[in-house]
Amino acid sequence: MEKRELTCIGCPLGCQVTVTMENGEIKDVQGNTCPRGDKYAREEVTNPTRIVTSIVRVKGGNLPAVSVKTKDVIPKGKIFEILDEIKPVVVNAPVKIGDVIIPNVAGTGVDVVATKNIAAV
């Protein structure tokens, strides 16, 4: 039997969760104090996902960069590929919250969107 120790990020409590697995199958989840902890632990050991946040340079704006994030979760293994795709991007101002900066980033089917308004100057 394999045991994986995790710190839950499903809520602010940060419970220490133990997942017991046998032959790749989850047998038990212990240590969570809410249902979100159980859900998080099961997903984290079978299919870990993340939201990626970063910045993109802005040309002609009142600020030199805009904060961006993936619109939905992406596979954890794609984080660095996504960051490599974001790094060279430069957008022209104005930028509005929710604008799609990169569609279908790294072939994930998930868009990278702006999370701040940047006015043109």
PDB file of N, CA and C in Angstrom:
ATOM      1  N   MET A   1       0.835  -1.197   0.000  1.00  0.00           N
ATOM      2  CA  MET A   1       0.000   0.000   0.000  1.00  0.00           C
ATOM      3  C   MET A   1       0.868   1.244   0.000  1.00  0.00           C
ATOM      4  N   GLU A   2       0.439   2.222  -0.760  1.00  0.00           N
ATOM      5  CA  GLU A   2       1.147   3.493  -0.852  1.00  0.00           C
ATOM      6  C   GLU A   2       0.347   4.553  -0.120  1.00  0.00           C
ATOM      7  N   LYS A   3       1.043   5.407   0.641  1.00  0.00           N
ATOM      8  CA  LYS A   3       0.389   6.525   1.319  1.00  0.00           C
ATOM      9  C   LYS A   3       0.995   7.816   0.816  1.00  0.00           C
ATOM     10  N   ARG A   4       0.127   8.769   0.485  1.00  0.00           N
ATOM     11  CA  ARG A   4       0.576  10.094   0.047  1.00  0.00           C
ATOM     12  C   ARG A   4       0.073  11.119   1.047  1.00  0.00           C
ATOM     13  N   GLU A   5       0.978  11.950   1.529  1.00  0.00           N
ATOM     14  CA  GLU A   5       0.650  13.015   2.471  1.00  0.00           C
ATOM     15  C   GLU A   5       0.503  14.311   1.686  1.00  0.00           C
ATOM     16  N   LEU A   6      -0.616  15.013   1.878  1.00  0.00           N
ATOM     17  CA  LEU A   6      -0.889  16.252   1.164  1.00  0.00           C
ATOM     18  C   LEU A   6      -1.335  17.325   2.148  1.00  0.00           C
ATOM     19  N   THR A   7      -1.106  18.572   1.783  1.00  0.00           N
ATOM     20  CA  THR A   7      -1.720  19.682   2.498  1.00  0.00           C
ATOM     21  C   THR A   7      -2.841  20.174   1.607  1.00  0.00           C
ATOM     22  N   CYS A   8      -4.063  20.104   2.093  1.00  0.00           N
ATOM     23  CA  CYS A   8      -5.226  20.489   1.298  1.00  0.00           C
ATOM     24  C   CYS A   8      -5.226  21.997   1.046  1.00  0.00           C
ATOM     25  N   ILE A   9      -5.557  22.388  -0.181  1.00  0.00           N
ATOM     26  CA  ILE A   9      -5.679  23.802  -0.528  1.00  0.00           C
ATOM     27  C   ILE A   9      -7.120  24.145  -0.908  1.00  0.00           C
ATOM     28  N   GLY A  10      -8.053  23.274  -0.517  1.00  0.00           N
ATOM     29  CA  GLY A  10      -9.464  23.474  -0.846  1.00  0.00           C
ATOM     30  C   GLY A  10     -10.126  24.593  -0.061  1.00  0.00           C
ATOM     31  N   CYS A  11      -9.585  24.914   1.107  1.00  0.00           N
ATOM     32  CA  CYS A  11     -10.105  26.005   1.934  1.00  0.00           C
ATOM     33  C   CYS A  11      -8.958  26.532   2.794  1.00  0.00           C
ATOM     34  N   PRO A  12      -9.157  27.575   3.557  1.00  0.00           N
ATOM     35  CA  PRO A  12      -8.058  28.164   4.344  1.00  0.00           C
ATOM     36  C   PRO A  12      -7.512  27.297   5.488  1.00  0.00           C
ATOM     37  N   LEU A  13      -8.177  26.208   5.866  1.00  0.00           N
ATOM     38  CA  LEU A  13      -7.710  25.401   6.990  1.00  0.00           C
ATOM     39  C   LEU A  13      -6.380  24.696   6.727  1.00  0.00           C
ATOM     40  N   GLY A  14      -6.135  24.284   5.499  1.00  0.00           N
ATOM     41  CA  GLY A  14      -4.876  23.615   5.169  1.00  0.00           C
ATOM     42  C   GLY A  14      -4.688  22.292   5.883  1.00  0.00           C
ATOM     43  N   CYS A  15      -5.702  21.463   5.880  1.00  0.00           N
ATOM     44  CA  CYS A  15      -5.657  20.164   6.570  1.00  0.00           C
ATOM     45  C   CYS A  15      -4.541  19.280   6.000  1.00  0.00           C
ATOM     46  N   GLN A  16      -3.939  18.488   6.877  1.00  0.00           N
ATOM     47  CA  GLN A  16      -2.974  17.475   6.464  1.00  0.00           C
ATOM     48  C   GLN A  16      -3.772  16.215   6.123  1.00  0.00           C
ATOM     49  N   VAL A  17      -3.773  15.856   4.858  1.00  0.00           N
ATOM     50  CA  VAL A  17      -4.598  14.756   4.363  1.00  0.00           C
ATOM     51  C   VAL A  17      -3.696  13.591   3.958  1.00  0.00           C
ATOM     52  N   THR A  18      -4.117  12.388   4.302  1.00  0.00           N
ATOM     53  CA  THR A  18      -3.403  11.180   3.905  1.00  0.00           C
ATOM     54  C   THR A  18      -4.282  10.381   2.960  1.00  0.00           C
ATOM     55  N   VAL A  19      -3.731  10.065   1.795  1.00  0.00           N
ATOM     56  CA  VAL A  19      -4.430   9.254   0.808  1.00  0.00           C
ATOM     57  C   VAL A  19      -3.744   7.896   0.755  1.00  0.00           C
ATOM     58  N   THR A  20      -4.506   6.847   0.967  1.00  0.00           N
ATOM     59  CA  THR A  20      -3.986   5.487   0.891  1.00  0.00           C
ATOM     60  C   THR A  20      -4.413   4.904  -0.451  1.00  0.00           C
ATOM     61  N   MET A  21      -3.407   4.381  -1.185  1.00  0.00           N
ATOM     62  CA  MET A  21      -3.670   3.826  -2.512  1.00  0.00           C
ATOM     63  C   MET A  21      -3.110   2.409  -2.593  1.00  0.00           C
ATOM     64  N   GLU A  22      -3.775   1.606  -3.413  1.00  0.00           N
ATOM     65  CA  GLU A  22      -3.297   0.258  -3.681  1.00  0.00           C
ATOM     66  C   GLU A  22      -3.487  -0.020  -5.163  1.00  0.00           C
ATOM     67  N   ASN A  23      -2.409  -0.340  -5.842  1.00  0.00           N
ATOM     68  CA  ASN A  23      -2.428  -0.600  -7.287  1.00  0.00           C
ATOM     69  C   ASN A  23      -3.047   0.567  -8.057  1.00  0.00           C
ATOM     70  N   GLY A  24      -2.724   1.809  -7.656  1.00  0.00           N
ATOM     71  CA  GLY A  24      -3.227   2.985  -8.347  1.00  0.00           C
ATOM     72  C   GLY A  24      -4.659   3.366  -8.030  1.00  0.00           C
ATOM     73  N   GLU A  25      -5.297   2.613  -7.136  1.00  0.00           N
ATOM     74  CA  GLU A  25      -6.689   2.883  -6.765  1.00  0.00           C
ATOM     75  C   GLU A  25      -6.745   3.466  -5.357  1.00  0.00           C
ATOM     76  N   ILE A  26      -7.539   4.520  -5.182  1.00  0.00           N
ATOM     77  CA  ILE A  26      -7.683   5.153  -3.881  1.00  0.00           C
ATOM     78  C   ILE A  26      -8.525   4.259  -2.979  1.00  0.00           C
ATOM     79  N   LYS A  27      -7.947   3.909  -1.826  1.00  0.00           N
ATOM     80  CA  LYS A  27      -8.646   3.068  -0.852  1.00  0.00           C
ATOM     81  C   LYS A  27      -9.232   3.894   0.286  1.00  0.00           C
ATOM     82  N   ASP A  28      -8.537   5.017   0.655  1.00  0.00           N
ATOM     83  CA  ASP A  28      -8.982   5.782   1.818  1.00  0.00           C
ATOM     84  C   ASP A  28      -8.405   7.196   1.774  1.00  0.00           C
ATOM     85  N   VAL A  29      -9.189   8.151   2.273  1.00  0.00           N
ATOM     86  CA  VAL A  29      -8.727   9.528   2.454  1.00  0.00           C
ATOM     87  C   VAL A  29      -9.016   9.898   3.899  1.00  0.00           C
ATOM     88  N   GLN A  30      -7.986  10.350   4.626  1.00  0.00           N
ATOM     89  CA  GLN A  30      -8.154  10.712   6.027  1.00  0.00           C
ATOM     90  C   GLN A  30      -7.500  12.060   6.312  1.00  0.00           C
ATOM     91  N   GLY A  31      -8.044  12.760   7.309  1.00  0.00           N
ATOM     92  CA  GLY A  31      -7.453  14.006   7.769  1.00  0.00           C
ATOM     93  C   GLY A  31      -8.190  15.250   7.322  1.00  0.00           C
ATOM     94  N   ASN A  32      -9.060  15.125   6.342  1.00  0.00           N
ATOM     95  CA  ASN A  32      -9.814  16.289   5.870  1.00  0.00           C
ATOM     96  C   ASN A  32     -10.944  16.583   6.847  1.00  0.00           C
ATOM     97  N   THR A  33     -11.243  17.881   7.016  1.00  0.00           N
ATOM     98  CA  THR A  33     -12.340  18.253   7.920  1.00  0.00           C
ATOM     99  C   THR A  33     -13.582  18.701   7.162  1.00  0.00           C
ATOM    100  N   CYS A  34     -13.484  18.744   5.841  1.00  0.00           N
ATOM    101  CA  CYS A  34     -14.665  19.104   5.047  1.00  0.00           C
ATOM    102  C   CYS A  34     -14.658  18.296   3.754  1.00  0.00           C
ATOM    103  N   PRO A  35     -15.787  18.242   3.055  1.00  0.00           N
ATOM    104  CA  PRO A  35     -15.854  17.457   1.814  1.00  0.00           C
ATOM    105  C   PRO A  35     -14.899  17.954   0.727  1.00  0.00           C
ATOM    106  N   ARG A  36     -14.569  19.251   0.755  1.00  0.00           N
ATOM    107  CA  ARG A  36     -13.635  19.776  -0.248  1.00  0.00           C
ATOM    108  C   ARG A  36     -12.270  19.111  -0.129  1.00  0.00           C
ATOM    109  N   GLY A  37     -11.879  18.778   1.098  1.00  0.00           N
ATOM    110  CA  GLY A  37     -10.593  18.118   1.315  1.00  0.00           C
ATOM    111  C   GLY A  37     -10.540  16.740   0.695  1.00  0.00           C
ATOM    112  N   ASP A  38     -11.620  15.996   0.818  1.00  0.00           N
ATOM    113  CA  ASP A  38     -11.697  14.679   0.203  1.00  0.00           C
ATOM    114  C   ASP A  38     -11.613  14.802  -1.318  1.00  0.00           C
ATOM    115  N   LYS A  39     -12.378  15.726  -1.867  1.00  0.00           N
ATOM    116  CA  LYS A  39     -12.382  15.936  -3.321  1.00  0.00           C
ATOM    117  C   LYS A  39     -11.000  16.358  -3.810  1.00  0.00           C
ATOM    118  N   TYR A  40     -10.389  17.339  -3.112  1.00  0.00           N
ATOM    119  CA  TYR A  40      -9.061  17.818  -3.502  1.00  0.00           C
ATOM    120  C   TYR A  40      -8.051  16.669  -3.492  1.00  0.00           C
ATOM    121  N   ALA A  41      -8.022  15.899  -2.415  1.00  0.00           N
ATOM    122  CA  ALA A  41      -7.044  14.824  -2.276  1.00  0.00           C
ATOM    123  C   ALA A  41      -7.198  13.791  -3.393  1.00  0.00           C
ATOM    124  N   ARG A  42      -8.433  13.406  -3.685  1.00  0.00           N
ATOM    125  CA  ARG A  42      -8.665  12.412  -4.739  1.00  0.00           C
ATOM    126  C   ARG A  42      -8.203  12.936  -6.105  1.00  0.00           C
ATOM    127  N   GLU A  43      -8.504  14.200  -6.397  1.00  0.00           N
ATOM    128  CA  GLU A  43      -8.081  14.775  -7.680  1.00  0.00           C
ATOM    129  C   GLU A  43      -6.567  14.959  -7.740  1.00  0.00           C
ATOM    130  N   GLU A  44      -5.974  15.367  -6.624  1.00  0.00           N
ATOM    131  CA  GLU A  44      -4.539  15.645  -6.612  1.00  0.00           C
ATOM    132  C   GLU A  44      -3.702  14.395  -6.873  1.00  0.00           C
ATOM    133  N   VAL A  45      -4.138  13.243  -6.393  1.00  0.00           N
ATOM    134  CA  VAL A  45      -3.344  12.027  -6.613  1.00  0.00           C
ATOM    135  C   VAL A  45      -3.661  11.339  -7.941  1.00  0.00           C
ATOM    136  N   THR A  46      -4.790  11.662  -8.557  1.00  0.00           N
ATOM    137  CA  THR A  46      -5.144  11.008  -9.822  1.00  0.00           C
ATOM    138  C   THR A  46      -4.981  11.917 -11.036  1.00  0.00           C
ATOM    139  N   ASN A  47      -5.316  13.198 -10.895  1.00  0.00           N
ATOM    140  CA  ASN A  47      -5.255  14.125 -12.024  1.00  0.00           C
ATOM    141  C   ASN A  47      -5.047  15.551 -11.506  1.00  0.00           C
ATOM    142  N   PRO A  48      -3.812  15.878 -11.068  1.00  0.00           N
ATOM    143  CA  PRO A  48      -3.581  17.200 -10.489  1.00  0.00           C
ATOM    144  C   PRO A  48      -3.743  18.321 -11.518  1.00  0.00           C
ATOM    145  N   THR A  49      -4.424  19.376 -11.116  1.00  0.00           N
ATOM    146  CA  THR A  49      -4.645  20.527 -11.988  1.00  0.00           C
ATOM    147  C   THR A  49      -4.317  21.810 -11.228  1.00  0.00           C
ATOM    148  N   ARG A  50      -4.102  22.885 -11.981  1.00  0.00           N
ATOM    149  CA  ARG A  50      -3.797  24.177 -11.392  1.00  0.00           C
ATOM    150  C   ARG A  50      -4.355  25.291 -12.273  1.00  0.00           C
ATOM    151  N   ILE A  51      -4.525  26.466 -11.657  1.00  0.00           N
ATOM    152  CA  ILE A  51      -4.741  27.719 -12.384  1.00  0.00           C
ATOM    153  C   ILE A  51      -3.360  28.361 -12.488  1.00  0.00           C
ATOM    154  N   VAL A  52      -2.976  28.812 -13.664  1.00  0.00           N
ATOM    155  CA  VAL A  52      -1.680  29.464 -13.846  1.00  0.00           C
ATOM    156  C   VAL A  52      -1.891  30.977 -13.898  1.00  0.00           C
ATOM    157  N   THR A  53      -1.085  31.709 -13.137  1.00  0.00           N
ATOM    158  CA  THR A  53      -1.118  33.169 -13.177  1.00  0.00           C
ATOM    159  C   THR A  53       0.246  33.682 -13.607  1.00  0.00           C
ATOM    160  N   SER A  54       0.241  34.821 -14.297  1.00  0.00           N
ATOM    161  CA  SER A  54       1.490  35.398 -14.776  1.00  0.00           C
ATOM    162  C   SER A  54       1.224  36.856 -15.158  1.00  0.00           C
ATOM    163  N   ILE A  55       2.139  37.431 -15.908  1.00  0.00           N
ATOM    164  CA  ILE A  55       1.948  38.772 -16.465  1.00  0.00           C
ATOM    165  C   ILE A  55       2.348  38.762 -17.934  1.00  0.00           C
ATOM    166  N   VAL A  56       1.773  39.706 -18.680  1.00  0.00           N
ATOM    167  CA  VAL A  56       2.087  39.887 -20.093  1.00  0.00           C
ATOM    168  C   VAL A  56       2.436  41.358 -20.290  1.00  0.00           C
ATOM    169  N   ARG A  57       3.465  41.608 -21.086  1.00  0.00           N
ATOM    170  CA  ARG A  57       3.858  42.994 -21.362  1.00  0.00           C
ATOM    171  C   ARG A  57       2.788  43.697 -22.197  1.00  0.00           C
ATOM    172  N   VAL A  58       2.645  45.004 -21.924  1.00  0.00           N
ATOM    173  CA  VAL A  58       1.652  45.824 -22.627  1.00  0.00           C
ATOM    174  C   VAL A  58       2.377  46.981 -23.313  1.00  0.00           C
ATOM    175  N   LYS A  59       2.048  47.178 -24.580  1.00  0.00           N
ATOM    176  CA  LYS A  59       2.612  48.279 -25.368  1.00  0.00           C
ATOM    177  C   LYS A  59       1.584  49.411 -25.418  1.00  0.00           C
ATOM    178  N   GLY A  60       2.025  50.634 -25.095  1.00  0.00           N
ATOM    179  CA  GLY A  60       1.141  51.797 -25.196  1.00  0.00           C
ATOM    180  C   GLY A  60       0.112  51.907 -24.094  1.00  0.00           C
ATOM    181  N   GLY A  61       0.401  51.312 -22.943  1.00  0.00           N
ATOM    182  CA  GLY A  61      -0.562  51.338 -21.848  1.00  0.00           C
ATOM    183  C   GLY A  61      -0.112  52.213 -20.687  1.00  0.00           C
ATOM    184  N   ASN A  62      -1.042  52.487 -19.776  1.00  0.00           N
ATOM    185  CA  ASN A  62      -0.695  53.263 -18.590  1.00  0.00           C
ATOM    186  C   ASN A  62       0.119  52.443 -17.589  1.00  0.00           C
ATOM    187  N   LEU A  63       0.217  51.134 -17.795  1.00  0.00           N
ATOM    188  CA  LEU A  63       1.093  50.252 -17.025  1.00  0.00           C
ATOM    189  C   LEU A  63       1.863  49.374 -18.015  1.00  0.00           C
ATOM    190  N   PRO A  64       3.059  48.945 -17.646  1.00  0.00           N
ATOM    191  CA  PRO A  64       3.883  48.176 -18.589  1.00  0.00           C
ATOM    192  C   PRO A  64       3.488  46.709 -18.738  1.00  0.00           C
ATOM    193  N   ALA A  65       2.613  46.219 -17.853  1.00  0.00           N
ATOM    194  CA  ALA A  65       2.231  44.806 -17.916  1.00  0.00           C
ATOM    195  C   ALA A  65       0.814  44.631 -17.386  1.00  0.00           C
ATOM    196  N   VAL A  66       0.195  43.522 -17.790  1.00  0.00           N
ATOM    197  CA  VAL A  66      -1.142  43.175 -17.312  1.00  0.00           C
ATOM    198  C   VAL A  66      -1.081  41.781 -16.685  1.00  0.00           C
ATOM    199  N   SER A  67      -1.768  41.621 -15.568  1.00  0.00           N
ATOM    200  CA  SER A  67      -1.844  40.299 -14.949  1.00  0.00           C
ATOM    201  C   SER A  67      -2.786  39.423 -15.770  1.00  0.00           C
ATOM    202  N   VAL A  68      -2.439  38.141 -15.875  1.00  0.00           N
ATOM    203  CA  VAL A  68      -3.236  37.185 -16.642  1.00  0.00           C
ATOM    204  C   VAL A  68      -3.351  35.891 -15.853  1.00  0.00           C
ATOM    205  N   LYS A  69      -4.337  35.070 -16.239  1.00  0.00           N
ATOM    206  CA  LYS A  69      -4.504  33.743 -15.628  1.00  0.00           C
ATOM    207  C   LYS A  69      -5.181  32.830 -16.633  1.00  0.00           C
ATOM    208  N   THR A  70      -5.059  31.537 -16.381  1.00  0.00           N
ATOM    209  CA  THR A  70      -5.808  30.595 -17.201  1.00  0.00           C
ATOM    210  C   THR A  70      -7.263  30.684 -16.764  1.00  0.00           C
ATOM    211  N   LYS A  71      -8.154  30.636 -17.731  1.00  0.00           N
ATOM    212  CA  LYS A  71      -9.584  30.794 -17.448  1.00  0.00           C
ATOM    213  C   LYS A  71     -10.148  29.613 -16.668  1.00  0.00           C
ATOM    214  N   ASP A  72      -9.496  28.489 -16.762  1.00  0.00           N
ATOM    215  CA  ASP A  72      -9.925  27.274 -16.063  1.00  0.00           C
ATOM    216  C   ASP A  72      -8.664  26.524 -15.636  1.00  0.00           C
ATOM    217  N   VAL A  73      -8.836  25.415 -14.942  1.00  0.00           N
ATOM    218  CA  VAL A  73      -7.689  24.620 -14.524  1.00  0.00           C
ATOM    219  C   VAL A  73      -7.036  23.945 -15.721  1.00  0.00           C
ATOM    220  N   ILE A  74      -5.739  23.722 -15.590  1.00  0.00           N
ATOM    221  CA  ILE A  74      -4.965  23.028 -16.622  1.00  0.00           C
ATOM    222  C   ILE A  74      -4.230  21.876 -15.951  1.00  0.00           C
ATOM    223  N   PRO A  75      -3.802  20.876 -16.712  1.00  0.00           N
ATOM    224  CA  PRO A  75      -3.021  19.795 -16.111  1.00  0.00           C
ATOM    225  C   PRO A  75      -1.730  20.338 -15.508  1.00  0.00           C
ATOM    226  N   LYS A  76      -1.409  19.913 -14.302  1.00  0.00           N
ATOM    227  CA  LYS A  76      -0.231  20.413 -13.594  1.00  0.00           C
ATOM    228  C   LYS A  76       1.039  20.251 -14.432  1.00  0.00           C
ATOM    229  N   GLY A  77       1.135  19.183 -15.190  1.00  0.00           N
ATOM    230  CA  GLY A  77       2.315  18.930 -16.014  1.00  0.00           C
ATOM    231  C   GLY A  77       2.514  19.918 -17.155  1.00  0.00           C
ATOM    232  N   LYS A  78       1.525  20.744 -17.438  1.00  0.00           N
ATOM    233  CA  LYS A  78       1.620  21.721 -18.537  1.00  0.00           C
ATOM    234  C   LYS A  78       2.035  23.114 -18.049  1.00  0.00           C
ATOM    235  N   ILE A  79       2.248  23.299 -16.752  1.00  0.00           N
ATOM    236  CA  ILE A  79       2.523  24.635 -16.214  1.00  0.00           C
ATOM    237  C   ILE A  79       3.688  25.312 -16.931  1.00  0.00           C
ATOM    238  N   PHE A  80       4.832  24.646 -17.029  1.00  0.00           N
ATOM    239  CA  PHE A  80       6.009  25.298 -17.609  1.00  0.00           C
ATOM    240  C   PHE A  80       5.857  25.536 -19.103  1.00  0.00           C
ATOM    241  N   GLU A  81       5.179  24.644 -19.791  1.00  0.00           N
ATOM    242  CA  GLU A  81       4.897  24.846 -21.217  1.00  0.00           C
ATOM    243  C   GLU A  81       4.027  26.090 -21.411  1.00  0.00           C
ATOM    244  N   ILE A  82       3.052  26.271 -20.539  1.00  0.00           N
ATOM    245  CA  ILE A  82       2.167  27.437 -20.604  1.00  0.00           C
ATOM    246  C   ILE A  82       2.943  28.711 -20.299  1.00  0.00           C
ATOM    247  N   LEU A  83       3.778  28.681 -19.269  1.00  0.00           N
ATOM    248  CA  LEU A  83       4.575  29.866 -18.933  1.00  0.00           C
ATOM    249  C   LEU A  83       5.531  30.227 -20.077  1.00  0.00           C
ATOM    250  N   ASP A  84       6.096  29.214 -20.743  1.00  0.00           N
ATOM    251  CA  ASP A  84       6.959  29.475 -21.902  1.00  0.00           C
ATOM    252  C   ASP A  84       6.178  30.127 -23.037  1.00  0.00           C
ATOM    253  N   GLU A  85       4.913  29.760 -23.195  1.00  0.00           N
ATOM    254  CA  GLU A  85       4.086  30.353 -24.247  1.00  0.00           C
ATOM    255  C   GLU A  85       3.677  31.786 -23.893  1.00  0.00           C
ATOM    256  N   ILE A  86       3.469  32.053 -22.608  1.00  0.00           N
ATOM    257  CA  ILE A  86       3.068  33.391 -22.161  1.00  0.00           C
ATOM    258  C   ILE A  86       4.236  34.386 -22.247  1.00  0.00           C
ATOM    259  N   LYS A  87       5.432  33.941 -21.905  1.00  0.00           N
ATOM    260  CA  LYS A  87       6.591  34.831 -21.746  1.00  0.00           C
ATOM    261  C   LYS A  87       6.837  35.799 -22.903  1.00  0.00           C
ATOM    262  N   PRO A  88       6.811  35.378 -24.161  1.00  0.00           N
ATOM    263  CA  PRO A  88       7.133  36.331 -25.234  1.00  0.00           C
ATOM    264  C   PRO A  88       5.971  37.236 -25.671  1.00  0.00           C
ATOM    265  N   VAL A  89       4.794  37.034 -25.131  1.00  0.00           N
ATOM    266  CA  VAL A  89       3.605  37.757 -25.601  1.00  0.00           C
ATOM    267  C   VAL A  89       3.656  39.227 -25.192  1.00  0.00           C
ATOM    268  N   VAL A  90       3.323  40.104 -26.142  1.00  0.00           N
ATOM    269  CA  VAL A  90       3.160  41.540 -25.894  1.00  0.00           C
ATOM    270  C   VAL A  90       1.814  41.922 -26.501  1.00  0.00           C
ATOM    271  N   VAL A  91       0.971  42.605 -25.726  1.00  0.00           N
ATOM    272  CA  VAL A  91      -0.330  43.041 -26.234  1.00  0.00           C
ATOM    273  C   VAL A  91      -0.359  44.564 -26.306  1.00  0.00           C
ATOM    274  N   ASN A  92      -1.231  45.080 -27.146  1.00  0.00           N
ATOM    275  CA  ASN A  92      -1.417  46.519 -27.265  1.00  0.00           C
ATOM    276  C   ASN A  92      -2.555  46.973 -26.363  1.00  0.00           C
ATOM    277  N   ALA A  93      -2.353  48.122 -25.730  1.00  0.00           N
ATOM    278  CA  ALA A  93      -3.417  48.716 -24.909  1.00  0.00           C
ATOM    279  C   ALA A  93      -4.480  49.280 -25.835  1.00  0.00           C
ATOM    280  N   PRO A  94      -5.713  49.393 -25.414  1.00  0.00           N
ATOM    281  CA  PRO A  94      -6.226  49.062 -24.088  1.00  0.00           C
ATOM    282  C   PRO A  94      -6.487  47.567 -23.939  1.00  0.00           C
ATOM    283  N   VAL A  95      -6.452  47.134 -22.668  1.00  0.00           N
ATOM    284  CA  VAL A  95      -6.754  45.754 -22.305  1.00  0.00           C
ATOM    285  C   VAL A  95      -7.862  45.802 -21.263  1.00  0.00           C
ATOM    286  N   LYS A  96      -8.838  44.938 -21.408  1.00  0.00           N
ATOM    287  CA  LYS A  96      -9.945  44.878 -20.453  1.00  0.00           C
ATOM    288  C   LYS A  96      -9.960  43.525 -19.744  1.00  0.00           C
ATOM    289  N   ILE A  97     -10.416  43.524 -18.494  1.00  0.00           N
ATOM    290  CA  ILE A  97     -10.552  42.287 -17.739  1.00  0.00           C
ATOM    291  C   ILE A  97     -11.370  41.287 -18.564  1.00  0.00           C
ATOM    292  N   GLY A  98     -10.869  40.090 -18.678  1.00  0.00           N
ATOM    293  CA  GLY A  98     -11.572  39.043 -19.421  1.00  0.00           C
ATOM    294  C   GLY A  98     -11.150  38.925 -20.876  1.00  0.00           C
ATOM    295  N   ASP A  99     -10.399  39.923 -21.395  1.00  0.00           N
ATOM    296  CA  ASP A  99      -9.906  39.797 -22.772  1.00  0.00           C
ATOM    297  C   ASP A  99      -9.078  38.527 -22.909  1.00  0.00           C
ATOM    298  N   VAL A 100      -9.284  37.785 -23.985  1.00  0.00           N
ATOM    299  CA  VAL A 100      -8.487  36.584 -24.240  1.00  0.00           C
ATOM    300  C   VAL A 100      -7.135  37.028 -24.785  1.00  0.00           C
ATOM    301  N   ILE A 101      -6.101  36.711 -24.060  1.00  0.00           N
ATOM    302  CA  ILE A 101      -4.742  37.075 -24.446  1.00  0.00           C
ATOM    303  C   ILE A 101      -4.119  35.966 -25.289  1.00  0.00           C
ATOM    304  N   ILE A 102      -4.325  34.717 -24.879  1.00  0.00           N
ATOM    305  CA  ILE A 102      -3.853  33.554 -25.640  1.00  0.00           C
ATOM    306  C   ILE A 102      -4.975  32.519 -25.660  1.00  0.00           C
ATOM    307  N   PRO A 103      -5.548  32.259 -26.827  1.00  0.00           N
ATOM    308  CA  PRO A 103      -6.568  31.197 -26.897  1.00  0.00           C
ATOM    309  C   PRO A 103      -5.903  29.819 -26.886  1.00  0.00           C
ATOM    310  N   ASN A 104      -6.558  28.851 -26.280  1.00  0.00           N
ATOM    311  CA  ASN A 104      -6.116  27.456 -26.313  1.00  0.00           C
ATOM    312  C   ASN A 104      -4.624  27.308 -25.981  1.00  0.00           C
ATOM    313  N   VAL A 105      -4.223  27.867 -24.872  1.00  0.00           N
ATOM    314  CA  VAL A 105      -2.810  27.873 -24.500  1.00  0.00           C
ATOM    315  C   VAL A 105      -2.270  26.449 -24.406  1.00  0.00           C
ATOM    316  N   ALA A 106      -1.140  26.231 -25.034  1.00  0.00           N
ATOM    317  CA  ALA A 106      -0.427  24.945 -25.024  1.00  0.00           C
ATOM    318  C   ALA A 106      -1.327  23.767 -25.399  1.00  0.00           C
ATOM    319  N   GLY A 107      -2.325  24.034 -26.238  1.00  0.00           N
ATOM    320  CA  GLY A 107      -3.210  22.969 -26.704  1.00  0.00           C
ATOM    321  C   GLY A 107      -4.112  22.389 -25.623  1.00  0.00           C
ATOM    322  N   THR A 108      -4.343  23.140 -24.542  1.00  0.00           N
ATOM    323  CA  THR A 108      -5.147  22.640 -23.425  1.00  0.00           C
ATOM    324  C   THR A 108      -6.639  22.856 -23.610  1.00  0.00           C
ATOM    325  N   GLY A 109      -7.013  23.720 -24.575  1.00  0.00           N
ATOM    326  CA  GLY A 109      -8.420  24.088 -24.716  1.00  0.00           C
ATOM    327  C   GLY A 109      -8.820  25.201 -23.760  1.00  0.00           C
ATOM    328  N   VAL A 110      -7.862  25.706 -22.993  1.00  0.00           N
ATOM    329  CA  VAL A 110      -8.105  26.755 -21.998  1.00  0.00           C
ATOM    330  C   VAL A 110      -7.447  28.044 -22.473  1.00  0.00           C
ATOM    331  N   ASP A 111      -8.170  29.157 -22.329  1.00  0.00           N
ATOM    332  CA  ASP A 111      -7.641  30.461 -22.720  1.00  0.00           C
ATOM    333  C   ASP A 111      -6.914  31.121 -21.558  1.00  0.00           C
ATOM    334  N   VAL A 112      -5.939  31.970 -21.896  1.00  0.00           N
ATOM    335  CA  VAL A 112      -5.315  32.860 -20.921  1.00  0.00           C
ATOM    336  C   VAL A 112      -6.018  34.199 -21.061  1.00  0.00           C
ATOM    337  N   VAL A 113      -6.523  34.749 -19.938  1.00  0.00           N
ATOM    338  CA  VAL A 113      -7.305  35.982 -19.966  1.00  0.00           C
ATOM    339  C   VAL A 113      -6.677  37.046 -19.071  1.00  0.00           C
ATOM    340  N   ALA A 114      -6.964  38.309 -19.413  1.00  0.00           N
ATOM    341  CA  ALA A 114      -6.495  39.437 -18.612  1.00  0.00           C
ATOM    342  C   ALA A 114      -7.306  39.528 -17.323  1.00  0.00           C
ATOM    343  N   THR A 115      -6.642  39.929 -16.247  1.00  0.00           N
ATOM    344  CA  THR A 115      -7.324  40.062 -14.960  1.00  0.00           C
ATOM    345  C   THR A 115      -7.287  41.504 -14.452  1.00  0.00           C
ATOM    346  N   LYS A 116      -6.929  42.433 -15.327  1.00  0.00           N
ATOM    347  CA  LYS A 116      -6.843  43.840 -14.958  1.00  0.00           C
ATOM    348  C   LYS A 116      -7.127  44.696 -16.192  1.00  0.00           C
ATOM    349  N   ASN A 117      -7.666  45.870 -15.973  1.00  0.00           N
ATOM    350  CA  ASN A 117      -7.847  46.824 -17.067  1.00  0.00           C
ATOM    351  C   ASN A 117      -6.590  47.661 -17.211  1.00  0.00           C
ATOM    352  N   ILE A 118      -6.147  47.843 -18.443  1.00  0.00           N
ATOM    353  CA  ILE A 118      -4.995  48.699 -18.753  1.00  0.00           C
ATOM    354  C   ILE A 118      -5.457  49.696 -19.807  1.00  0.00           C
ATOM    355  N   ALA A 119      -5.384  50.974 -19.473  1.00  0.00           N
ATOM    356  CA  ALA A 119      -5.801  52.023 -20.390  1.00  0.00           C
ATOM    357  C   ALA A 119      -4.685  52.360 -21.372  1.00  0.00           C
ATOM    358  N   ALA A 120      -5.096  52.812 -22.553  1.00  0.00           N
ATOM    359  CA  ALA A 120      -4.120  53.278 -23.540  1.00  0.00           C
ATOM    360  C   ALA A 120      -3.693  54.686 -23.171  1.00  0.00           C
ATOM    361  N   VAL A 121      -2.445  55.016 -23.483  1.00  0.00           N
ATOM    362  CA  VAL A 121      -1.954  56.390 -23.237  1.00  0.00           C
ATOM    363  C   VAL A 121      -1.547  57.030 -24.531  1.00  0.00           C
TER     364      VAL A 121
END
